[in-house]
Each structure stands twice: as structure tokens, then as C-alpha cells.
Amino acid sequence: MLPKIIVLCVIVLLIVLFLAFVPVGLWISAVAANVKVGIFNLIGMKLRRVVPSKIVFPLIKATKAGLKVTVNQLEAHYLAGGDVDGVVNALIAAERAGMDLSFEKASAIDLAGRAVFEAVKMSVTPKVIETPLISAVSKDGIELLVKARVTVRTNLERLIGGAGESTVLARIGEGIVTTVGSSMAHSEVLENPDRISKLVLDKGLDVGTAYEIISIDIADVDIGRNIGAQLQSLQAEADNKIAQARAEERRAMAVALEQEMRAAVVQAEAEIPKAMAQALREGNIGVADYYKLQNVLADTEMKKGIGTGATAFAESKKTTNGGEK
């Protein structure tokens, strides 16, 4: 009796291990969906560390949609780090939209880091991108704030290696700035804003990008600052500072010249006693002449002192009279 129980336990254990290791439920789902996936294929996925459900369910979806996709293709894409379900969804959407998209191209787009399903949807249903406020200045110095709405769709042929959405927005901003900057007056842009759209579209801004620009619509144009007047004000202020600096330079040169001249006068006055002594020794002037000169100098100093005192007395009288009033 005991050997039979042991054998029964071993059989139950083997069955449990088999059911735990082999996804029988997935195999039954595949068979019910008429998808050819063998038990040994599922065991091989387990051994290769592939999640069977990540392969079987997309394969069932692709088969039901009429796509010709093999287990090996899906498994290889999974092992490469791709999104198998996203690729299958993209293939189904492309097939329903009548687009020519092969599994190889879709998987390459997915492995390049692009959301291939979103790209297919955007190719079928274009996306509207709104630019931020773009500041541009016309030739009359008036700033215009322009906002545009850009309608784009994905170009699957250029999706791998093509520039992204930020590049498209940057090129559109550049085109708007160039177009407004070439206008003689800001009123021209306000009167005919669709002129911006036409000129920007003619530049072929979608070259080398993953998108195709369908249309550019100007959503809003606002008047900003008077940049020309501000620049003229700043220029006038700069010219004023330059003129002040030059005037200060001339004043400093004049002060330096005055100081040089005063030094020359002091130096000349210092030579007077020597010259007087030399003249006395050589007999060019007499002692009487010398004393007469001294009397003249003393008389001059006395008159200067009297004049200074009289001026000070007159100023003090004015101050006194003003205080009394």
C-alpha cells in the first residue's frame, strides 16, 4: 500500500511541476485561436527567459488581424529589448489604414526608441503642435509676439534618424522671426498674418525631420515693446556718458596744465632773490633802486590787505542787516 502512495505522490508532484513550468493555459488559448504554438515552443521560451504571454497574446492578436507574423520574429524582437505588443498594434493600425509598414521596419523604429504605435496613429491622424510666444521685431522697431499652431504628421520613412518635435518648433520660430524682421512695418504683419504662414511653409522646414508639416496657422499676434525707441534711449544714454567722460578728461588736463603753470611761476619767483643779488653785485641796479622796489612791494601788500579787510567788513554788514530784517 505504501509504495502505491509514494508513486501517486511522485506523479502528483510531477504534474504540479509540469503545470508550473509549462504554460498550458497559454497553449490552450493559442490552440483555440488557431495559432500554431507548440508546447515545446513554450518550454523553449521559458528556458530562454522569455515571458510566453508577451509573445503568445500579440501573436494571437496579429493572427486574428490577418498579419503574417511568426513566433521567431516576435521572440527575437522581445530578446532585443523591443515592445512586441506595441509593434503588433502599429502593424494592425497601419494595415487598417492601408499603409505599407513591414514588421522589419516597425521593429527597427521601435528599437530606435520611437513609439511606433503612436507614430502610426500620428501618421493617420495629424497632430497639432502649438508654439510658445515667439518674439520678433520688424524694421520699424516694434516687437510682435506671435503664436502659431503647426499641423504635422509622422513621416515613417524618416522616423529613424529624423529630427524630433523640438527641431520643428525651433525652425518655425526662426522662420517667424525672419519673416517679421524683413517687414518694413509691424502694421504689414498685423494686416496680413497669413503672409508669415506662406513664407515659412515655402522654406521647407520639415527637411531632415521625422515629420511632415501640413499647415502653419497663426493663432495670435500681439504688439509688444518699442524696441527701437529703447535702443535709441540706450544709445543716447551711452553717448551722454561718453561726452561726460571726455569732458572730465579735458577738465583733468586743464587742472594739470594749471598746476604745471603755477609750479613754473613758483620756480620763477624762487629765482628772483638770486637775480637781485647778481644784479647788485654786477652794479646793474643800485641800493636805492633796491629799496625803492621793496617800498613798492610793501605798498602793494598794504593796499591788498586794506582791500581784503574792506570786502570782509562789507560782507559782515550785509549779513548783519539781513539778520535784523
Protein backbone atom coordinates (compact mmCIF):
# COMPACT_ATOMS: atom_id res chain seq x y z
CA MET A 1 0.00 0.00 0.00
CA LEU A 2 2.81 2.35 0.90
CA PRO A 3 4.63 2.03 -2.46
CA LYS A 4 1.43 2.93 -4.27
CA ILE A 5 1.03 6.08 -2.16
CA ILE A 6 4.62 7.08 -2.85
CA VAL A 7 4.18 6.56 -6.60
CA LEU A 8 0.96 8.57 -6.51
CA CYS A 9 2.68 11.44 -4.69
CA VAL A 10 5.53 11.44 -7.21
CA ILE A 11 3.07 11.55 -10.09
CA VAL A 12 1.15 14.43 -8.48
CA LEU A 13 4.44 16.28 -7.87
CA LEU A 14 5.49 15.80 -11.48
CA ILE A 15 2.12 17.07 -12.68
CA VAL A 16 2.37 20.14 -10.45
CA LEU A 17 5.91 20.85 -11.66
CA PHE A 18 4.82 20.38 -15.27
CA LEU A 19 1.89 22.77 -14.88
CA ALA A 20 4.10 25.30 -13.05
CA PHE A 21 6.80 25.21 -15.72
CA VAL A 22 4.66 24.76 -18.84
CA PRO A 23 2.03 27.48 -19.53
CA VAL A 24 -0.72 25.11 -20.51
CA GLY A 25 -3.32 27.85 -20.30
CA LEU A 26 -1.50 29.88 -22.95
CA TRP A 27 -1.17 26.81 -25.16
CA ILE A 28 -4.91 26.19 -24.90
CA SER A 29 -5.63 29.86 -25.73
CA ALA A 30 -3.36 29.63 -28.78
CA VAL A 31 -4.98 26.41 -29.98
CA ALA A 32 -8.44 27.92 -29.51
CA ALA A 33 -7.39 30.94 -31.58
CA ASN A 34 -5.98 28.66 -34.30
CA VAL A 35 -2.44 29.93 -33.64
CA LYS A 36 0.28 27.35 -34.14
CA VAL A 37 2.37 27.40 -30.97
CA GLY A 38 3.66 24.07 -29.66
CA ILE A 39 4.18 23.04 -26.07
CA PHE A 40 7.89 22.68 -26.72
CA ASN A 41 8.00 26.23 -28.10
CA LEU A 42 6.57 27.50 -24.83
CA ILE A 43 9.06 25.40 -22.84
CA GLY A 44 11.86 26.81 -25.00
CA MET A 45 10.68 30.37 -24.24
CA LYS A 46 10.87 29.58 -20.54
CA LEU A 47 14.39 28.27 -20.96
CA ARG A 48 15.39 31.38 -22.93
CA ARG A 49 13.95 33.62 -20.17
CA VAL A 50 11.17 34.89 -22.43
CA VAL A 51 7.77 35.60 -20.90
CA PRO A 52 5.46 33.42 -23.04
CA SER A 53 2.44 35.69 -22.57
CA LYS A 54 4.43 38.59 -24.11
CA ILE A 55 4.69 36.52 -27.30
CA VAL A 56 1.50 34.46 -27.43
CA PHE A 57 -1.05 37.22 -26.87
CA PRO A 58 0.44 39.59 -29.53
CA LEU A 59 0.70 36.60 -31.90
CA ILE A 60 -2.99 35.81 -31.38
CA LYS A 61 -3.85 39.45 -31.98
CA ALA A 62 -1.77 39.57 -35.19
CA THR A 63 -3.23 36.31 -36.49
CA LYS A 64 -6.78 37.46 -35.90
CA ALA A 65 -5.95 40.71 -37.76
CA GLY A 66 -4.68 38.73 -40.75
CA LEU A 67 -1.00 39.62 -40.34
CA LYS A 68 1.73 37.18 -41.24
CA VAL A 69 3.98 37.22 -38.18
CA THR A 70 5.95 34.29 -36.82
CA VAL A 71 6.84 33.29 -33.29
CA ASN A 72 10.54 33.61 -34.07
CA GLN A 73 10.13 37.24 -35.23
CA LEU A 74 8.26 38.24 -32.08
CA GLU A 75 10.65 36.37 -29.81
CA ALA A 76 13.71 37.90 -31.48
CA HIS A 77 12.27 41.37 -31.09
CA TYR A 78 11.50 40.69 -27.42
CA LEU A 79 15.03 39.46 -26.77
CA ALA A 80 16.37 42.64 -28.44
CA GLY A 81 14.52 44.71 -25.85
CA GLY A 82 11.63 45.81 -28.03
CA ASP A 83 7.95 46.33 -27.28
CA VAL A 84 6.30 43.39 -29.03
CA ASP A 85 2.75 44.42 -28.25
CA GLY A 86 3.38 47.99 -29.47
CA VAL A 87 4.85 46.74 -32.76
CA VAL A 88 1.88 44.44 -33.38
CA ASN A 89 -0.57 47.24 -32.60
CA ALA A 90 1.29 49.50 -35.03
CA LEU A 91 1.18 46.83 -37.77
CA ILE A 92 -2.56 46.35 -37.27
CA ALA A 93 -3.22 50.10 -37.37
CA ALA A 94 -1.08 50.52 -40.49
CA GLU A 95 -2.80 47.60 -42.22
CA ARG A 96 -6.24 49.05 -41.44
CA ALA A 97 -5.15 52.45 -42.75
CA GLY A 98 -3.76 50.97 -45.96
CA MET A 99 -0.17 51.91 -45.15
CA ASP A 100 2.83 49.87 -46.25
CA LEU A 101 4.60 49.00 -43.00
CA SER A 102 6.60 45.80 -42.68
CA PHE A 103 7.46 44.05 -39.45
CA GLU A 104 11.16 44.73 -40.01
CA LYS A 105 10.61 48.48 -40.37
CA ALA A 106 8.24 48.65 -37.40
CA SER A 107 10.64 46.73 -35.17
CA ALA A 108 13.55 48.92 -36.30
CA ILE A 109 11.56 52.06 -35.43
CA ASP A 110 10.70 50.58 -32.03
CA LEU A 111 14.31 49.62 -31.28
CA ALA A 112 15.41 53.13 -32.28
CA GLY A 113 13.49 54.44 -29.28
CA ARG A 114 10.44 55.74 -31.12
CA ALA A 115 6.89 54.89 -30.09
CA VAL A 116 5.96 53.15 -33.33
CA PHE A 117 2.24 52.78 -32.50
CA GLU A 118 1.97 56.50 -31.67
CA ALA A 119 3.88 57.30 -34.87
CA VAL A 120 1.42 55.30 -36.97
CA LYS A 121 -1.54 56.98 -35.27
CA MET A 122 0.01 60.41 -35.87
CA SER A 123 0.60 59.48 -39.50
CA VAL A 124 -3.09 58.65 -39.87
CA THR A 125 -4.41 61.45 -37.64
CA PRO A 126 -2.17 64.56 -37.84
CA LYS A 127 -1.14 66.23 -34.62
CA VAL A 128 -1.43 69.95 -33.85
CA ILE A 129 1.59 71.48 -32.09
CA GLU A 130 1.27 74.93 -30.55
CA THR A 131 4.39 77.06 -30.38
CA PRO A 132 5.17 79.27 -27.39
CA LEU A 133 5.02 83.06 -27.83
CA ILE A 134 7.74 83.98 -30.33
CA SER A 135 9.23 87.47 -30.05
CA ALA A 136 10.10 89.11 -33.37
CA VAL A 137 10.94 92.73 -34.26
CA SER A 138 10.00 94.44 -37.54
CA LYS A 139 12.17 97.06 -39.22
CA ASP A 140 10.27 99.94 -37.56
CA GLY A 141 11.44 98.69 -34.16
CA ILE A 142 8.11 97.32 -32.87
CA GLU A 143 8.13 93.93 -31.16
CA LEU A 144 5.45 91.40 -32.16
CA LEU A 145 4.56 88.35 -30.06
CA VAL A 146 3.43 85.58 -32.41
CA LYS A 147 1.86 82.23 -31.53
CA ALA A 148 1.37 79.60 -34.24
CA ARG A 149 -0.35 76.22 -34.50
CA VAL A 150 1.52 73.68 -36.61
CA THR A 151 -0.23 70.62 -38.03
CA VAL A 152 2.20 67.74 -38.59
CA ARG A 153 2.04 64.07 -39.35
CA THR A 154 4.67 61.38 -38.96
CA ASN A 155 6.88 60.53 -41.91
CA LEU A 156 7.63 56.84 -41.30
CA GLU A 157 10.38 56.82 -43.92
CA ARG A 158 12.34 59.45 -41.95
CA LEU A 159 11.35 58.34 -38.48
CA ILE A 160 14.69 56.60 -37.92
CA GLY A 161 17.37 59.27 -37.71
CA GLY A 162 14.98 62.17 -38.29
CA ALA A 163 14.90 65.21 -36.01
CA GLY A 164 12.15 65.46 -33.43
CA GLU A 165 9.39 67.88 -32.48
CA SER A 166 11.72 70.37 -30.77
CA THR A 167 13.67 70.86 -34.02
CA VAL A 168 10.46 71.57 -35.94
CA LEU A 169 9.40 74.18 -33.36
CA ALA A 170 12.85 75.79 -33.41
CA ARG A 171 12.82 76.06 -37.22
CA ILE A 172 9.31 77.53 -37.21
CA GLY A 173 10.38 80.10 -34.61
CA GLU A 174 13.36 81.02 -36.76
CA GLY A 175 11.14 81.37 -39.82
CA ILE A 176 8.68 83.63 -37.98
CA VAL A 177 11.48 85.86 -36.66
CA THR A 178 12.98 86.14 -40.14
CA THR A 179 9.64 86.92 -41.78
CA VAL A 180 8.64 89.59 -39.25
CA GLY A 181 12.16 91.05 -39.29
CA SER A 182 12.00 91.52 -43.06
CA SER A 183 8.74 93.50 -42.81
CA MET A 184 9.14 97.29 -43.16
CA ALA A 185 6.45 97.98 -40.54
CA HIS A 186 4.65 95.91 -37.94
CA SER A 187 1.32 97.00 -39.41
CA GLU A 188 2.07 94.90 -42.52
CA VAL A 189 2.18 91.77 -40.37
CA LEU A 190 -0.97 92.71 -38.46
CA GLU A 191 -2.86 93.37 -41.69
CA ASN A 192 -1.78 90.12 -43.36
CA PRO A 193 -0.68 87.48 -40.79
CA ASP A 194 -1.10 84.61 -43.27
CA ARG A 195 1.94 86.03 -45.06
CA ILE A 196 4.01 84.52 -42.26
CA SER A 197 2.49 81.08 -42.85
CA LYS A 198 3.16 81.17 -46.60
CA LEU A 199 6.78 82.31 -46.27
CA VAL A 200 7.56 79.81 -43.51
CA LEU A 201 5.99 76.90 -45.41
CA ASP A 202 7.99 77.81 -48.53
CA LYS A 203 11.23 77.34 -46.58
CA GLY A 204 10.76 73.56 -46.33
CA LEU A 205 11.33 73.42 -42.59
CA ASP A 206 10.46 69.71 -42.32
CA VAL A 207 13.54 68.58 -44.28
CA GLY A 208 15.54 66.08 -42.25
CA THR A 209 12.85 65.71 -39.57
CA ALA A 210 10.58 62.81 -38.69
CA TYR A 211 7.52 64.90 -39.50
CA GLU A 212 5.78 66.39 -42.50
CA ILE A 213 4.36 69.87 -41.96
CA ILE A 214 0.84 70.07 -43.35
CA SER A 215 -0.04 73.63 -42.37
CA ILE A 216 1.06 76.54 -40.19
CA ASP A 217 -1.71 78.74 -38.83
CA ILE A 218 -1.08 81.99 -36.96
CA ALA A 219 -3.17 81.77 -33.79
CA ASP A 220 -2.36 85.12 -32.22
CA VAL A 221 -0.28 88.26 -32.87
CA ASP A 222 0.22 90.81 -30.08
CA ILE A 223 2.14 94.08 -30.04
CA GLY A 224 4.97 94.12 -27.52
CA ARG A 225 7.61 96.70 -26.66
CA ASN A 226 9.00 99.51 -28.80
CA ILE A 227 12.45 98.00 -29.13
CA GLY A 228 13.64 100.75 -31.50
CA ALA A 229 12.83 103.51 -29.01
CA GLN A 230 14.50 101.60 -26.19
CA LEU A 231 17.63 101.11 -28.26
CA GLN A 232 17.71 104.82 -29.18
CA SER A 233 17.31 105.74 -25.49
CA LEU A 234 20.13 103.42 -24.51
CA GLN A 235 22.29 104.83 -27.31
CA ALA A 236 21.60 108.41 -26.17
CA GLU A 237 22.46 107.46 -22.60
CA ALA A 238 25.70 105.85 -23.76
CA ASP A 239 26.58 108.93 -25.86
CA ASN A 240 25.90 111.15 -22.82
CA LYS A 241 28.22 109.07 -20.66
CA ILE A 242 30.91 109.22 -23.34
CA ALA A 243 30.55 113.02 -23.57
CA GLN A 244 30.79 113.31 -19.77
CA ALA A 245 33.89 111.14 -19.74
CA ARG A 246 35.53 113.27 -22.42
CA ALA A 247 34.62 116.50 -20.57
CA GLU A 248 36.09 115.10 -17.36
CA GLU A 249 39.22 114.18 -19.27
CA ARG A 250 39.54 117.74 -20.63
CA ARG A 251 38.95 119.20 -17.13
CA ALA A 252 41.64 116.97 -15.66
CA MET A 253 44.05 118.06 -18.41
CA ALA A 254 43.23 121.73 -17.70
CA VAL A 255 43.83 121.26 -13.96
CA ALA A 256 47.12 119.53 -14.66
CA LEU A 257 48.20 122.34 -17.00
CA GLU A 258 47.25 124.96 -14.38
CA GLN A 259 49.27 123.16 -11.76
CA GLU A 260 52.25 122.99 -14.13
CA MET A 261 51.98 126.74 -14.81
CA ARG A 262 51.76 127.54 -11.08
CA ALA A 263 54.80 125.42 -10.43
CA ALA A 264 56.62 127.32 -13.16
CA VAL A 265 55.62 130.66 -11.53
CA VAL A 266 56.81 129.48 -8.10
CA GLN A 267 60.05 128.32 -9.65
CA ALA A 268 60.49 131.70 -11.36
CA GLU A 269 59.77 133.60 -8.12
CA ALA A 270 62.37 131.49 -6.36
CA GLU A 271 64.96 132.78 -8.85
CA ILE A 272 64.17 136.47 -8.15
CA PRO A 273 66.39 136.85 -5.00
CA LYS A 274 69.27 135.25 -6.84
CA ALA A 275 68.77 137.57 -9.79
CA MET A 276 68.59 140.62 -7.48
CA ALA A 277 71.80 139.64 -5.71
CA GLN A 278 73.51 139.08 -9.05
CA ALA A 279 72.31 142.50 -10.30
CA LEU A 280 73.61 144.22 -7.12
CA ARG A 281 76.98 142.55 -7.42
CA GLU A 282 77.34 143.46 -11.06
CA GLY A 283 76.13 147.04 -10.48
CA ASN A 284 73.11 146.77 -12.77
CA ILE A 285 70.94 148.29 -10.02
CA GLY A 286 71.84 150.43 -7.05
CA VAL A 287 70.93 150.12 -3.41
CA ALA A 288 68.45 152.99 -3.75
CA ASP A 289 66.72 151.19 -6.58
CA TYR A 290 66.53 148.06 -4.46
CA TYR A 291 64.91 149.86 -1.52
CA LYS A 292 62.52 151.67 -3.87
CA LEU A 293 61.42 148.27 -5.20
CA GLN A 294 60.92 146.99 -1.67
CA ASN A 295 58.78 150.04 -0.84
CA VAL A 296 56.63 149.39 -3.91
CA LEU A 297 56.12 145.76 -2.87
CA ALA A 298 55.25 146.76 0.69
CA ASP A 299 52.81 149.40 -0.56
CA THR A 300 51.17 146.80 -2.80
CA GLU A 301 50.77 144.32 0.05
CA MET A 302 49.28 147.07 2.25
CA LYS A 303 46.72 148.03 -0.37
CA LYS A 304 45.83 144.38 -0.88
CA GLY A 305 45.27 143.96 2.88
CA ILE A 306 43.14 147.08 3.03
CA GLY A 307 41.03 145.89 0.11
CA THR A 308 40.55 142.46 1.71
CA GLY A 309 39.52 143.98 5.02
CA ALA A 310 37.04 146.36 3.37
CA THR A 311 35.47 143.49 1.47
CA ALA A 312 35.16 141.40 4.63
CA PHE A 313 33.64 144.37 6.52
CA ALA A 314 31.06 144.91 3.74
CA GLU A 315 30.11 141.23 3.73
CA SER A 316 29.69 141.21 7.53
CA LYS A 317 27.44 144.32 7.33
CA LYS A 318 25.24 142.61 4.73
CA THR A 319 24.96 139.55 6.94
CA THR A 320 24.09 141.66 9.98
CA ASN A 321 21.47 143.68 8.10
CA GLY A 322 19.92 140.54 6.69
CA GLY A 323 19.65 139.01 10.18
CA GLU A 324 17.97 142.14 11.59
CA LYS A 325 15.35 142.10 8.85
